Amino acid sequence: MTDPEVVDPLAVLVRPGTPSGTVVLLLQGELDYGTAAPLRDALEGNAGADRVVVDCSGLRFCDSTGLNLLLRTRQRMLDHGGRLDLAGLRPSVDRMLEITGARTVFRVYGDAAEALAADD
């Protein structure tokens, strides 16, 4: 029996992107201390990718835990010649990135299709 207070707060859908070596992670829900495990697992499971595009179009909330996870993964990928980009930021998540200054660190695209089409 499930606890009615517990909501499935974060789902992560992993799909291959184009070109080869690119992975898209579609986030749905809220990313915080209690829900970061699915994203952490998906990022670790795709550590060998050349590029990870995190599609945040379904992300309603992100706290400092989620931000730190993204920042650490971005740096780890850069250290190994890869990159982590963000796409589809909702206003609340975009605002958090703006306030913390992290928006200037990531390449941010309007949506996943734009990110995958970018040649930069």
PDB file of N, CA and C in Angstrom:
ATOM      1  N   MET A   1       0.839  -1.174   0.000  1.00  0.00           N
ATOM      2  CA  MET A   1       0.000   0.000   0.000  1.00  0.00           C
ATOM      3  C   MET A   1       0.891   1.246   0.000  1.00  0.00           C
ATOM      4  N   THR A   2       0.550   2.219  -0.830  1.00  0.00           N
ATOM      5  CA  THR A   2       1.365   3.419  -0.913  1.00  0.00           C
ATOM      6  C   THR A   2       0.820   4.506  -0.004  1.00  0.00           C
ATOM      7  N   ASP A   3       1.719   5.318   0.463  1.00  0.00           N
ATOM      8  CA  ASP A   3       1.375   6.433   1.333  1.00  0.00           C
ATOM      9  C   ASP A   3       0.763   7.538   0.480  1.00  0.00           C
ATOM     10  N   PRO A   4      -0.448   8.042   0.821  1.00  0.00           N
ATOM     11  CA  PRO A   4      -1.080   9.081   0.006  1.00  0.00           C
ATOM     12  C   PRO A   4      -0.296  10.391   0.014  1.00  0.00           C
ATOM     13  N   GLU A   5       0.590  10.575   0.979  1.00  0.00           N
ATOM     14  CA  GLU A   5       1.408  11.788   1.038  1.00  0.00           C
ATOM     15  C   GLU A   5       2.581  11.738   0.055  1.00  0.00           C
ATOM     16  N   VAL A   6       2.925  10.527  -0.398  1.00  0.00           N
ATOM     17  CA  VAL A   6       4.074  10.371  -1.278  1.00  0.00           C
ATOM     18  C   VAL A   6       3.613  10.454  -2.729  1.00  0.00           C
ATOM     19  N   VAL A   7       4.208  11.371  -3.456  1.00  0.00           N
ATOM     20  CA  VAL A   7       3.892  11.565  -4.859  1.00  0.00           C
ATOM     21  C   VAL A   7       5.103  11.103  -5.658  1.00  0.00           C
ATOM     22  N   ASP A   8       4.883  10.622  -6.861  1.00  0.00           N
ATOM     23  CA  ASP A   8       6.004  10.261  -7.725  1.00  0.00           C
ATOM     24  C   ASP A   8       6.566  11.565  -8.279  1.00  0.00           C
ATOM     25  N   PRO A   9       7.561  12.159  -7.583  1.00  0.00           N
ATOM     26  CA  PRO A   9       7.955  13.520  -7.885  1.00  0.00           C
ATOM     27  C   PRO A   9       8.863  13.717  -9.083  1.00  0.00           C
ATOM     28  N   LEU A  10       9.623  12.689  -9.491  1.00  0.00           N
ATOM     29  CA  LEU A  10      10.511  12.884 -10.627  1.00  0.00           C
ATOM     30  C   LEU A  10      10.606  11.620 -11.449  1.00  0.00           C
ATOM     31  N   ALA A  11      10.355  11.781 -12.731  1.00  0.00           N
ATOM     32  CA  ALA A  11      10.557  10.693 -13.684  1.00  0.00           C
ATOM     33  C   ALA A  11      11.594  11.162 -14.698  1.00  0.00           C
ATOM     34  N   VAL A  12      12.459  10.256 -15.099  1.00  0.00           N
ATOM     35  CA  VAL A  12      13.496  10.578 -16.070  1.00  0.00           C
ATOM     36  C   VAL A  12      13.392   9.588 -17.222  1.00  0.00           C
ATOM     37  N   LEU A  13      13.123  10.104 -18.407  1.00  0.00           N
ATOM     38  CA  LEU A  13      13.065   9.284 -19.615  1.00  0.00           C
ATOM     39  C   LEU A  13      14.363   9.493 -20.372  1.00  0.00           C
ATOM     40  N   VAL A  14      15.060   8.414 -20.669  1.00  0.00           N
ATOM     41  CA  VAL A  14      16.340   8.476 -21.378  1.00  0.00           C
ATOM     42  C   VAL A  14      16.102   8.032 -22.809  1.00  0.00           C
ATOM     43  N   ARG A  15      16.565   8.851 -23.759  1.00  0.00           N
ATOM     44  CA  ARG A  15      16.456   8.459 -25.167  1.00  0.00           C
ATOM     45  C   ARG A  15      17.697   8.904 -25.916  1.00  0.00           C
ATOM     46  N   PRO A  16      18.086   8.136 -26.923  1.00  0.00           N
ATOM     47  CA  PRO A  16      19.252   8.545 -27.715  1.00  0.00           C
ATOM     48  C   PRO A  16      18.921   9.775 -28.541  1.00  0.00           C
ATOM     49  N   GLY A  17      19.917  10.598 -28.736  1.00  0.00           N
ATOM     50  CA  GLY A  17      19.754  11.783 -29.571  1.00  0.00           C
ATOM     51  C   GLY A  17      20.620  11.660 -30.801  1.00  0.00           C
ATOM     52  N   THR A  18      20.556  12.690 -31.609  1.00  0.00           N
ATOM     53  CA  THR A  18      21.377  12.747 -32.811  1.00  0.00           C
ATOM     54  C   THR A  18      22.311  13.916 -32.668  1.00  0.00           C
ATOM     55  N   PRO A  19      23.556  13.816 -32.913  1.00  0.00           N
ATOM     56  CA  PRO A  19      24.259  12.681 -33.499  1.00  0.00           C
ATOM     57  C   PRO A  19      24.526  11.585 -32.485  1.00  0.00           C
ATOM     58  N   SER A  20      25.126  10.521 -32.971  1.00  0.00           N
ATOM     59  CA  SER A  20      25.483   9.396 -32.116  1.00  0.00           C
ATOM     60  C   SER A  20      26.350   9.899 -30.967  1.00  0.00           C
ATOM     61  N   GLY A  21      26.165   9.338 -29.794  1.00  0.00           N
ATOM     62  CA  GLY A  21      26.914   9.778 -28.622  1.00  0.00           C
ATOM     63  C   GLY A  21      26.186  10.820 -27.808  1.00  0.00           C
ATOM     64  N   THR A  22      25.031  11.247 -28.308  1.00  0.00           N
ATOM     65  CA  THR A  22      24.202  12.222 -27.596  1.00  0.00           C
ATOM     66  C   THR A  22      23.046  11.500 -26.927  1.00  0.00           C
ATOM     67  N   VAL A  23      22.747  11.901 -25.709  1.00  0.00           N
ATOM     68  CA  VAL A  23      21.641  11.330 -24.949  1.00  0.00           C
ATOM     69  C   VAL A  23      20.747  12.472 -24.483  1.00  0.00           C
ATOM     70  N   VAL A  24      19.442  12.269 -24.564  1.00  0.00           N
ATOM     71  CA  VAL A  24      18.479  13.247 -24.060  1.00  0.00           C
ATOM     72  C   VAL A  24      17.817  12.663 -22.821  1.00  0.00           C
ATOM     73  N   LEU A  25      17.819  13.436 -21.747  1.00  0.00           N
ATOM     74  CA  LEU A  25      17.127  13.055 -20.520  1.00  0.00           C
ATOM     75  C   LEU A  25      15.930  13.975 -20.350  1.00  0.00           C
ATOM     76  N   LEU A  26      14.737  13.433 -20.442  1.00  0.00           N
ATOM     77  CA  LEU A  26      13.515  14.215 -20.282  1.00  0.00           C
ATOM     78  C   LEU A  26      13.066  14.106 -18.832  1.00  0.00           C
ATOM     79  N   LEU A  27      13.017  15.244 -18.149  1.00  0.00           N
ATOM     80  CA  LEU A  27      12.624  15.274 -16.737  1.00  0.00           C
ATOM     81  C   LEU A  27      11.164  15.646 -16.605  1.00  0.00           C
ATOM     82  N   GLN A  28      10.460  14.936 -15.740  1.00  0.00           N
ATOM     83  CA  GLN A  28       9.057  15.207 -15.447  1.00  0.00           C
ATOM     84  C   GLN A  28       8.883  15.241 -13.937  1.00  0.00           C
ATOM     85  N   GLY A  29       8.411  16.369 -13.391  1.00  0.00           N
ATOM     86  CA  GLY A  29       8.133  16.438 -11.962  1.00  0.00           C
ATOM     87  C   GLY A  29       8.966  17.479 -11.258  1.00  0.00           C
ATOM     88  N   GLU A  30       9.442  17.120 -10.065  1.00  0.00           N
ATOM     89  CA  GLU A  30      10.200  18.035  -9.215  1.00  0.00           C
ATOM     90  C   GLU A  30      11.536  17.411  -8.845  1.00  0.00           C
ATOM     91  N   LEU A  31      12.578  18.227  -8.904  1.00  0.00           N
ATOM     92  CA  LEU A  31      13.930  17.769  -8.613  1.00  0.00           C
ATOM     93  C   LEU A  31      14.406  18.443  -7.336  1.00  0.00           C
ATOM     94  N   ASP A  32      14.570  17.640  -6.287  1.00  0.00           N
ATOM     95  CA  ASP A  32      15.049  18.167  -5.014  1.00  0.00           C
ATOM     96  C   ASP A  32      15.797  17.057  -4.276  1.00  0.00           C
ATOM     97  N   TYR A  33      16.152  17.325  -3.038  1.00  0.00           N
ATOM     98  CA  TYR A  33      16.936  16.376  -2.238  1.00  0.00           C
ATOM     99  C   TYR A  33      16.312  14.983  -2.219  1.00  0.00           C
ATOM    100  N   GLY A  34      15.024  14.925  -2.050  1.00  0.00           N
ATOM    101  CA  GLY A  34      14.348  13.638  -1.923  1.00  0.00           C
ATOM    102  C   GLY A  34      14.058  12.929  -3.235  1.00  0.00           C
ATOM    103  N   THR A  35      14.255  13.620  -4.367  1.00  0.00           N
ATOM    104  CA  THR A  35      13.885  13.026  -5.651  1.00  0.00           C
ATOM    105  C   THR A  35      15.028  12.942  -6.656  1.00  0.00           C
ATOM    106  N   ALA A  36      16.232  13.282  -6.245  1.00  0.00           N
ATOM    107  CA  ALA A  36      17.358  13.384  -7.183  1.00  0.00           C
ATOM    108  C   ALA A  36      17.877  12.032  -7.677  1.00  0.00           C
ATOM    109  N   ALA A  37      17.575  10.953  -6.988  1.00  0.00           N
ATOM    110  CA  ALA A  37      18.150   9.644  -7.334  1.00  0.00           C
ATOM    111  C   ALA A  37      17.901   9.222  -8.788  1.00  0.00           C
ATOM    112  N   PRO A  38      16.684   9.348  -9.335  1.00  0.00           N
ATOM    113  CA  PRO A  38      16.501   8.925 -10.730  1.00  0.00           C
ATOM    114  C   PRO A  38      17.378   9.703 -11.719  1.00  0.00           C
ATOM    115  N   LEU A  39      17.537  10.991 -11.490  1.00  0.00           N
ATOM    116  CA  LEU A  39      18.400  11.770 -12.374  1.00  0.00           C
ATOM    117  C   LEU A  39      19.858  11.389 -12.171  1.00  0.00           C
ATOM    118  N   ARG A  40      20.267  11.242 -10.923  1.00  0.00           N
ATOM    119  CA  ARG A  40      21.646  10.836 -10.627  1.00  0.00           C
ATOM    120  C   ARG A  40      21.960   9.507 -11.317  1.00  0.00           C
ATOM    121  N   ASP A  41      21.037   8.554 -11.225  1.00  0.00           N
ATOM    122  CA  ASP A  41      21.231   7.246 -11.857  1.00  0.00           C
ATOM    123  C   ASP A  41      21.328   7.373 -13.372  1.00  0.00           C
ATOM    124  N   ALA A  42      20.463   8.184 -13.962  1.00  0.00           N
ATOM    125  CA  ALA A  42      20.476   8.359 -15.423  1.00  0.00           C
ATOM    126  C   ALA A  42      21.758   9.038 -15.875  1.00  0.00           C
ATOM    127  N   LEU A  43      22.226  10.023 -15.115  1.00  0.00           N
ATOM    128  CA  LEU A  43      23.469  10.704 -15.472  1.00  0.00           C
ATOM    129  C   LEU A  43      24.662   9.762 -15.341  1.00  0.00           C
ATOM    130  N   GLU A  44      24.696   8.998 -14.272  1.00  0.00           N
ATOM    131  CA  GLU A  44      25.788   8.038 -14.088  1.00  0.00           C
ATOM    132  C   GLU A  44      25.740   6.939 -15.144  1.00  0.00           C
ATOM    133  N   GLY A  45      24.541   6.516 -15.504  1.00  0.00           N
ATOM    134  CA  GLY A  45      24.379   5.474 -16.509  1.00  0.00           C
ATOM    135  C   GLY A  45      24.763   5.911 -17.907  1.00  0.00           C
ATOM    136  N   ASN A  46      24.843   7.220 -18.119  1.00  0.00           N
ATOM    137  CA  ASN A  46      25.203   7.753 -19.429  1.00  0.00           C
ATOM    138  C   ASN A  46      26.480   8.575 -19.359  1.00  0.00           C
ATOM    139  N   ALA A  47      27.325   8.244 -18.403  1.00  0.00           N
ATOM    140  CA  ALA A  47      28.565   8.993 -18.183  1.00  0.00           C
ATOM    141  C   ALA A  47      29.495   8.966 -19.394  1.00  0.00           C
ATOM    142  N   GLY A  48      29.377   7.962 -20.242  1.00  0.00           N
ATOM    143  CA  GLY A  48      30.241   7.860 -21.411  1.00  0.00           C
ATOM    144  C   GLY A  48      29.743   8.620 -22.626  1.00  0.00           C
ATOM    145  N   ALA A  49      28.596   9.269 -22.506  1.00  0.00           N
ATOM    146  CA  ALA A  49      28.050  10.022 -23.645  1.00  0.00           C
ATOM    147  C   ALA A  49      28.931  11.226 -23.968  1.00  0.00           C
ATOM    148  N   ASP A  50      28.965  11.575 -25.232  1.00  0.00           N
ATOM    149  CA  ASP A  50      29.687  12.781 -25.645  1.00  0.00           C
ATOM    150  C   ASP A  50      28.931  14.035 -25.208  1.00  0.00           C
ATOM    151  N   ARG A  51      27.611  13.921 -25.242  1.00  0.00           N
ATOM    152  CA  ARG A  51      26.769  15.069 -24.896  1.00  0.00           C
ATOM    153  C   ARG A  51      25.489  14.569 -24.251  1.00  0.00           C
ATOM    154  N   VAL A  52      25.073  15.259 -23.195  1.00  0.00           N
ATOM    155  CA  VAL A  52      23.791  14.997 -22.553  1.00  0.00           C
ATOM    156  C   VAL A  52      22.975  16.277 -22.634  1.00  0.00           C
ATOM    157  N   VAL A  53      21.779  16.160 -23.183  1.00  0.00           N
ATOM    158  CA  VAL A  53      20.831  17.269 -23.209  1.00  0.00           C
ATOM    159  C   VAL A  53      19.770  16.945 -22.172  1.00  0.00           C
ATOM    160  N   VAL A  54      19.655  17.799 -21.164  1.00  0.00           N
ATOM    161  CA  VAL A  54      18.645  17.608 -20.130  1.00  0.00           C
ATOM    162  C   VAL A  54      17.443  18.468 -20.519  1.00  0.00           C
ATOM    163  N   ASP A  55      16.371  17.797 -20.929  1.00  0.00           N
ATOM    164  CA  ASP A  55      15.140  18.461 -21.348  1.00  0.00           C
ATOM    165  C   ASP A  55      14.306  18.729 -20.102  1.00  0.00           C
ATOM    166  N   CYS A  56      14.254  19.991 -19.710  1.00  0.00           N
ATOM    167  CA  CYS A  56      13.577  20.394 -18.471  1.00  0.00           C
ATOM    168  C   CYS A  56      12.140  20.863 -18.707  1.00  0.00           C
ATOM    169  N   SER A  57      11.587  20.597 -19.880  1.00  0.00           N
ATOM    170  CA  SER A  57      10.254  21.110 -20.197  1.00  0.00           C
ATOM    171  C   SER A  57       9.172  20.570 -19.267  1.00  0.00           C
ATOM    172  N   GLY A  58       9.407  19.424 -18.653  1.00  0.00           N
ATOM    173  CA  GLY A  58       8.446  18.866 -17.705  1.00  0.00           C
ATOM    174  C   GLY A  58       8.858  19.035 -16.257  1.00  0.00           C
ATOM    175  N   LEU A  59       9.923  19.800 -16.029  1.00  0.00           N
ATOM    176  CA  LEU A  59      10.430  20.004 -14.666  1.00  0.00           C
ATOM    177  C   LEU A  59       9.742  21.214 -14.047  1.00  0.00           C
ATOM    178  N   ARG A  60       8.956  20.957 -13.002  1.00  0.00           N
ATOM    179  CA  ARG A  60       8.194  22.030 -12.356  1.00  0.00           C
ATOM    180  C   ARG A  60       8.990  22.770 -11.286  1.00  0.00           C
ATOM    181  N   PHE A  61      10.008  22.099 -10.716  1.00  0.00           N
ATOM    182  CA  PHE A  61      10.742  22.684  -9.597  1.00  0.00           C
ATOM    183  C   PHE A  61      12.129  22.068  -9.541  1.00  0.00           C
ATOM    184  N   CYS A  62      13.117  22.873  -9.154  1.00  0.00           N
ATOM    185  CA  CYS A  62      14.476  22.387  -8.953  1.00  0.00           C
ATOM    186  C   CYS A  62      15.078  23.171  -7.801  1.00  0.00           C
ATOM    187  N   ASP A  63      15.634  22.455  -6.813  1.00  0.00           N
ATOM    188  CA  ASP A  63      16.274  23.140  -5.692  1.00  0.00           C
ATOM    189  C   ASP A  63      17.791  23.044  -5.838  1.00  0.00           C
ATOM    190  N   SER A  64      18.505  23.438  -4.799  1.00  0.00           N
ATOM    191  CA  SER A  64      19.963  23.468  -4.853  1.00  0.00           C
ATOM    192  C   SER A  64      20.567  22.074  -5.041  1.00  0.00           C
ATOM    193  N   THR A  65      19.898  21.036  -4.554  1.00  0.00           N
ATOM    194  CA  THR A  65      20.399  19.679  -4.746  1.00  0.00           C
ATOM    195  C   THR A  65      20.427  19.340  -6.230  1.00  0.00           C
ATOM    196  N   GLY A  66      19.340  19.632  -6.912  1.00  0.00           N
ATOM    197  CA  GLY A  66      19.273  19.371  -8.353  1.00  0.00           C
ATOM    198  C   GLY A  66      20.273  20.208  -9.114  1.00  0.00           C
ATOM    199  N   LEU A  67      20.386  21.470  -8.745  1.00  0.00           N
ATOM    200  CA  LEU A  67      21.343  22.352  -9.406  1.00  0.00           C
ATOM    201  C   LEU A  67      22.766  21.844  -9.212  1.00  0.00           C
ATOM    202  N   ASN A  68      23.115  21.463  -7.993  1.00  0.00           N
ATOM    203  CA  ASN A  68      24.463  20.948  -7.726  1.00  0.00           C
ATOM    204  C   ASN A  68      24.741  19.668  -8.503  1.00  0.00           C
ATOM    205  N   LEU A  69      23.760  18.804  -8.623  1.00  0.00           N
ATOM    206  CA  LEU A  69      23.921  17.577  -9.395  1.00  0.00           C
ATOM    207  C   LEU A  69      24.216  17.913 -10.862  1.00  0.00           C
ATOM    208  N   LEU A  70      23.474  18.850 -11.417  1.00  0.00           N
ATOM    209  CA  LEU A  70      23.698  19.254 -12.813  1.00  0.00           C
ATOM    210  C   LEU A  70      25.061  19.913 -12.989  1.00  0.00           C
ATOM    211  N   LEU A  71      25.428  20.788 -12.053  1.00  0.00           N
ATOM    212  CA  LEU A  71      26.725  21.470 -12.146  1.00  0.00           C
ATOM    213  C   LEU A  71      27.897  20.493 -12.029  1.00  0.00           C
ATOM    214  N   ARG A  72      27.812  19.568 -11.088  1.00  0.00           N
ATOM    215  CA  ARG A  72      28.896  18.583 -10.919  1.00  0.00           C
ATOM    216  C   ARG A  72      29.016  17.694 -12.148  1.00  0.00           C
ATOM    217  N   THR A  73      27.881  17.264 -12.674  1.00  0.00           N
ATOM    218  CA  THR A  73      27.900  16.410 -13.858  1.00  0.00           C
ATOM    219  C   THR A  73      28.444  17.173 -15.060  1.00  0.00           C
ATOM    220  N   ARG A  74      28.047  18.420 -15.204  1.00  0.00           N
ATOM    221  CA  ARG A  74      28.564  19.255 -16.295  1.00  0.00           C
ATOM    222  C   ARG A  74      30.085  19.330 -16.229  1.00  0.00           C
ATOM    223  N   GLN A  75      30.617  19.590 -15.042  1.00  0.00           N
ATOM    224  CA  GLN A  75      32.068  19.710 -14.901  1.00  0.00           C
ATOM    225  C   GLN A  75      32.776  18.389 -15.181  1.00  0.00           C
ATOM    226  N   ARG A  76      32.206  17.310 -14.685  1.00  0.00           N
ATOM    227  CA  ARG A  76      32.790  15.988 -14.923  1.00  0.00           C
ATOM    228  C   ARG A  76      32.805  15.677 -16.420  1.00  0.00           C
ATOM    229  N   MET A  77      31.729  16.024 -17.123  1.00  0.00           N
ATOM    230  CA  MET A  77      31.681  15.780 -18.567  1.00  0.00           C
ATOM    231  C   MET A  77      32.702  16.653 -19.293  1.00  0.00           C
ATOM    232  N   LEU A  78      32.800  17.912 -18.899  1.00  0.00           N
ATOM    233  CA  LEU A  78      33.794  18.799 -19.521  1.00  0.00           C
ATOM    234  C   LEU A  78      35.208  18.254 -19.325  1.00  0.00           C
ATOM    235  N   ASP A  79      35.485  17.752 -18.140  1.00  0.00           N
ATOM    236  CA  ASP A  79      36.802  17.197 -17.835  1.00  0.00           C
ATOM    237  C   ASP A  79      37.159  16.014 -18.733  1.00  0.00           C
ATOM    238  N   HIS A  80      36.143  15.348 -19.276  1.00  0.00           N
ATOM    239  CA  HIS A  80      36.355  14.183 -20.138  1.00  0.00           C
ATOM    240  C   HIS A  80      35.996  14.476 -21.591  1.00  0.00           C
ATOM    241  N   GLY A  81      35.915  15.754 -21.945  1.00  0.00           N
ATOM    242  CA  GLY A  81      35.674  16.132 -23.332  1.00  0.00           C
ATOM    243  C   GLY A  81      34.223  16.120 -23.766  1.00  0.00           C
ATOM    244  N   GLY A  82      33.297  15.958 -22.836  1.00  0.00           N
ATOM    245  CA  GLY A  82      31.879  15.954 -23.165  1.00  0.00           C
ATOM    246  C   GLY A  82      31.213  17.248 -22.745  1.00  0.00           C
ATOM    247  N   ARG A  83      29.898  17.265 -22.834  1.00  0.00           N
ATOM    248  CA  ARG A  83      29.177  18.448 -22.362  1.00  0.00           C
ATOM    249  C   ARG A  83      27.756  18.099 -21.955  1.00  0.00           C
ATOM    250  N   LEU A  84      27.211  18.935 -21.081  1.00  0.00           N
ATOM    251  CA  LEU A  84      25.845  18.797 -20.598  1.00  0.00           C
ATOM    252  C   LEU A  84      25.142  20.116 -20.878  1.00  0.00           C
ATOM    253  N   ASP A  85      24.038  20.050 -21.607  1.00  0.00           N
ATOM    254  CA  ASP A  85      23.253  21.237 -21.958  1.00  0.00           C
ATOM    255  C   ASP A  85      21.849  21.110 -21.390  1.00  0.00           C
ATOM    256  N   LEU A  86      21.195  22.250 -21.229  1.00  0.00           N
ATOM    257  CA  LEU A  86      19.822  22.293 -20.732  1.00  0.00           C
ATOM    258  C   LEU A  86      18.898  22.792 -21.826  1.00  0.00           C
ATOM    259  N   ALA A  87      17.656  22.320 -21.813  1.00  0.00           N
ATOM    260  CA  ALA A  87      16.671  22.754 -22.798  1.00  0.00           C
ATOM    261  C   ALA A  87      15.299  22.832 -22.152  1.00  0.00           C
ATOM    262  N   GLY A  88      14.454  23.701 -22.700  1.00  0.00           N
ATOM    263  CA  GLY A  88      13.053  23.763 -22.296  1.00  0.00           C
ATOM    264  C   GLY A  88      12.809  24.208 -20.871  1.00  0.00           C
ATOM    265  N   LEU A  89      13.569  25.169 -20.399  1.00  0.00           N
ATOM    266  CA  LEU A  89      13.411  25.612 -19.006  1.00  0.00           C
ATOM    267  C   LEU A  89      12.061  26.292 -18.791  1.00  0.00           C
ATOM    268  N   ARG A  90      11.355  25.847 -17.777  1.00  0.00           N
ATOM    269  CA  ARG A  90      10.136  26.541 -17.357  1.00  0.00           C
ATOM    270  C   ARG A  90      10.547  27.780 -16.569  1.00  0.00           C
ATOM    271  N   PRO A  91       9.664  28.775 -16.474  1.00  0.00           N
ATOM    272  CA  PRO A  91      10.030  30.028 -15.798  1.00  0.00           C
ATOM    273  C   PRO A  91      10.577  29.855 -14.384  1.00  0.00           C
ATOM    274  N   SER A  92      10.009  28.971 -13.582  1.00  0.00           N
ATOM    275  CA  SER A  92      10.485  28.827 -12.196  1.00  0.00           C
ATOM    276  C   SER A  92      11.906  28.261 -12.152  1.00  0.00           C
ATOM    277  N   VAL A  93      12.209  27.316 -13.015  1.00  0.00           N
ATOM    278  CA  VAL A  93      13.552  26.730 -13.055  1.00  0.00           C
ATOM    279  C   VAL A  93      14.530  27.725 -13.671  1.00  0.00           C
ATOM    280  N   ASP A  94      14.104  28.406 -14.711  1.00  0.00           N
ATOM    281  CA  ASP A  94      14.948  29.419 -15.349  1.00  0.00           C
ATOM    282  C   ASP A  94      15.291  30.527 -14.353  1.00  0.00           C
ATOM    283  N   ARG A  95      14.328  30.934 -13.569  1.00  0.00           N
ATOM    284  CA  ARG A  95      14.550  31.991 -12.568  1.00  0.00           C
ATOM    285  C   ARG A  95      15.582  31.547 -11.526  1.00  0.00           C
ATOM    286  N   MET A  96      15.481  30.295 -11.062  1.00  0.00           N
ATOM    287  CA  MET A  96      16.437  29.778 -10.087  1.00  0.00           C
ATOM    288  C   MET A  96      17.846  29.786 -10.675  1.00  0.00           C
ATOM    289  N   LEU A  97      17.979  29.378 -11.924  1.00  0.00           N
ATOM    290  CA  LEU A  97      19.289  29.398 -12.572  1.00  0.00           C
ATOM    291  C   LEU A  97      19.807  30.827 -12.731  1.00  0.00           C
ATOM    292  N   GLU A  98      18.914  31.736 -13.042  1.00  0.00           N
ATOM    293  CA  GLU A  98      19.294  33.140 -13.200  1.00  0.00           C
ATOM    294  C   GLU A  98      19.748  33.732 -11.867  1.00  0.00           C
ATOM    295  N   ILE A  99      19.001  33.509 -10.819  1.00  0.00           N
ATOM    296  CA  ILE A  99      19.319  34.057  -9.493  1.00  0.00           C
ATOM    297  C   ILE A  99      20.662  33.542  -8.987  1.00  0.00           C
ATOM    298  N   THR A 100      20.936  32.275  -9.229  1.00  0.00           N
ATOM    299  CA  THR A 100      22.177  31.671  -8.728  1.00  0.00           C
ATOM    300  C   THR A 100      23.385  31.947  -9.630  1.00  0.00           C
ATOM    301  N   GLY A 101      23.131  32.477 -10.811  1.00  0.00           N
ATOM    302  CA  GLY A 101      24.213  32.729 -11.760  1.00  0.00           C
ATOM    303  C   GLY A 101      24.564  31.508 -12.596  1.00  0.00           C
ATOM    304  N   ALA A 102      23.890  30.402 -12.356  1.00  0.00           N
ATOM    305  CA  ALA A 102      24.207  29.160 -13.068  1.00  0.00           C
ATOM    306  C   ALA A 102      23.760  29.189 -14.524  1.00  0.00           C
ATOM    307  N   ARG A 103      22.844  30.071 -14.862  1.00  0.00           N
ATOM    308  CA  ARG A 103      22.365  30.117 -16.248  1.00  0.00           C
ATOM    309  C   ARG A 103      23.501  30.471 -17.201  1.00  0.00           C
ATOM    310  N   THR A 104      24.464  31.240 -16.743  1.00  0.00           N
ATOM    311  CA  THR A 104      25.579  31.627 -17.604  1.00  0.00           C
ATOM    312  C   THR A 104      26.591  30.492 -17.793  1.00  0.00           C
ATOM    313  N   VAL A 105      26.498  29.472 -16.963  1.00  0.00           N
ATOM    314  CA  VAL A 105      27.421  28.344 -17.021  1.00  0.00           C
ATOM    315  C   VAL A 105      26.983  27.315 -18.062  1.00  0.00           C
ATOM    316  N   PHE A 106      25.679  27.116 -18.185  1.00  0.00           N
ATOM    317  CA  PHE A 106      25.124  26.110 -19.093  1.00  0.00           C
ATOM    318  C   PHE A 106      24.801  26.714 -20.452  1.00  0.00           C
ATOM    319  N   ARG A 107      24.867  25.884 -21.473  1.00  0.00           N
ATOM    320  CA  ARG A 107      24.253  26.235 -22.750  1.00  0.00           C
ATOM    321  C   ARG A 107      22.786  25.895 -22.583  1.00  0.00           C
ATOM    322  N   VAL A 108      21.927  26.886 -22.835  1.00  0.00           N
ATOM    323  CA  VAL A 108      20.492  26.715 -22.624  1.00  0.00           C
ATOM    324  C   VAL A 108      19.770  26.927 -23.953  1.00  0.00           C
ATOM    325  N   TYR A 109      18.888  25.991 -24.289  1.00  0.00           N
ATOM    326  CA  TYR A 109      18.140  26.039 -25.541  1.00  0.00           C
ATOM    327  C   TYR A 109      16.643  26.085 -25.254  1.00  0.00           C
ATOM    328  N   GLY A 110      15.883  26.599 -26.202  1.00  0.00           N
ATOM    329  CA  GLY A 110      14.436  26.719 -26.039  1.00  0.00           C
ATOM    330  C   GLY A 110      13.740  25.389 -25.852  1.00  0.00           C
ATOM    331  N   ASP A 111      14.214  24.375 -26.572  1.00  0.00           N
ATOM    332  CA  ASP A 111      13.659  23.029 -26.420  1.00  0.00           C
ATOM    333  C   ASP A 111      14.705  22.015 -26.869  1.00  0.00           C
ATOM    334  N   ALA A 112      14.393  20.748 -26.691  1.00  0.00           N
ATOM    335  CA  ALA A 112      15.351  19.691 -27.001  1.00  0.00           C
ATOM    336  C   ALA A 112      15.674  19.650 -28.491  1.00  0.00           C
ATOM    337  N   ALA A 113      14.674  19.896 -29.340  1.00  0.00           N
ATOM    338  CA  ALA A 113      14.907  19.872 -30.787  1.00  0.00           C
ATOM    339  C   ALA A 113      15.924  20.949 -31.177  1.00  0.00           C
ATOM    340  N   GLU A 114      15.787  22.134 -30.591  1.00  0.00           N
ATOM    341  CA  GLU A 114      16.737  23.215 -30.864  1.00  0.00           C
ATOM    342  C   GLU A 114      18.127  22.824 -30.387  1.00  0.00           C
ATOM    343  N   ALA A 115      18.205  22.222 -29.220  1.00  0.00           N
ATOM    344  CA  ALA A 115      19.511  21.801 -28.687  1.00  0.00           C
ATOM    345  C   ALA A 115      20.168  20.775 -29.597  1.00  0.00           C
ATOM    346  N   LEU A 116      19.382  19.813 -30.068  1.00  0.00           N
ATOM    347  CA  LEU A 116      19.944  18.768 -30.914  1.00  0.00           C
ATOM    348  C   LEU A 116      20.343  19.301 -32.290  1.00  0.00           C
ATOM    349  N   ALA A 117      19.667  20.346 -32.756  1.00  0.00           N
ATOM    350  CA  ALA A 117      19.987  20.931 -34.058  1.00  0.00           C
ATOM    351  C   ALA A 117      21.171  21.891 -33.990  1.00  0.00           C
ATOM    352  N   ALA A 118      21.530  22.324 -32.781  1.00  0.00           N
ATOM    353  CA  ALA A 118      22.604  23.310 -32.620  1.00  0.00           C
ATOM    354  C   ALA A 118      23.943  22.708 -33.036  1.00  0.00           C
ATOM    355  N   ASP A 119      24.705  23.497 -33.711  1.00  0.00           N
ATOM    356  CA  ASP A 119      26.022  23.062 -34.174  1.00  0.00           C
ATOM    357  C   ASP A 119      27.082  23.921 -33.523  1.00  0.00           C
ATOM    358  N   ASP A 120      27.109  23.893 -32.182  1.00  0.00           N
ATOM    359  CA  ASP A 120      28.102  24.712 -31.460  1.00  0.00           C
ATOM    360  C   ASP A 120      28.839  23.927 -30.431  1.00  0.00           C
TER     361      ASP A 120
END
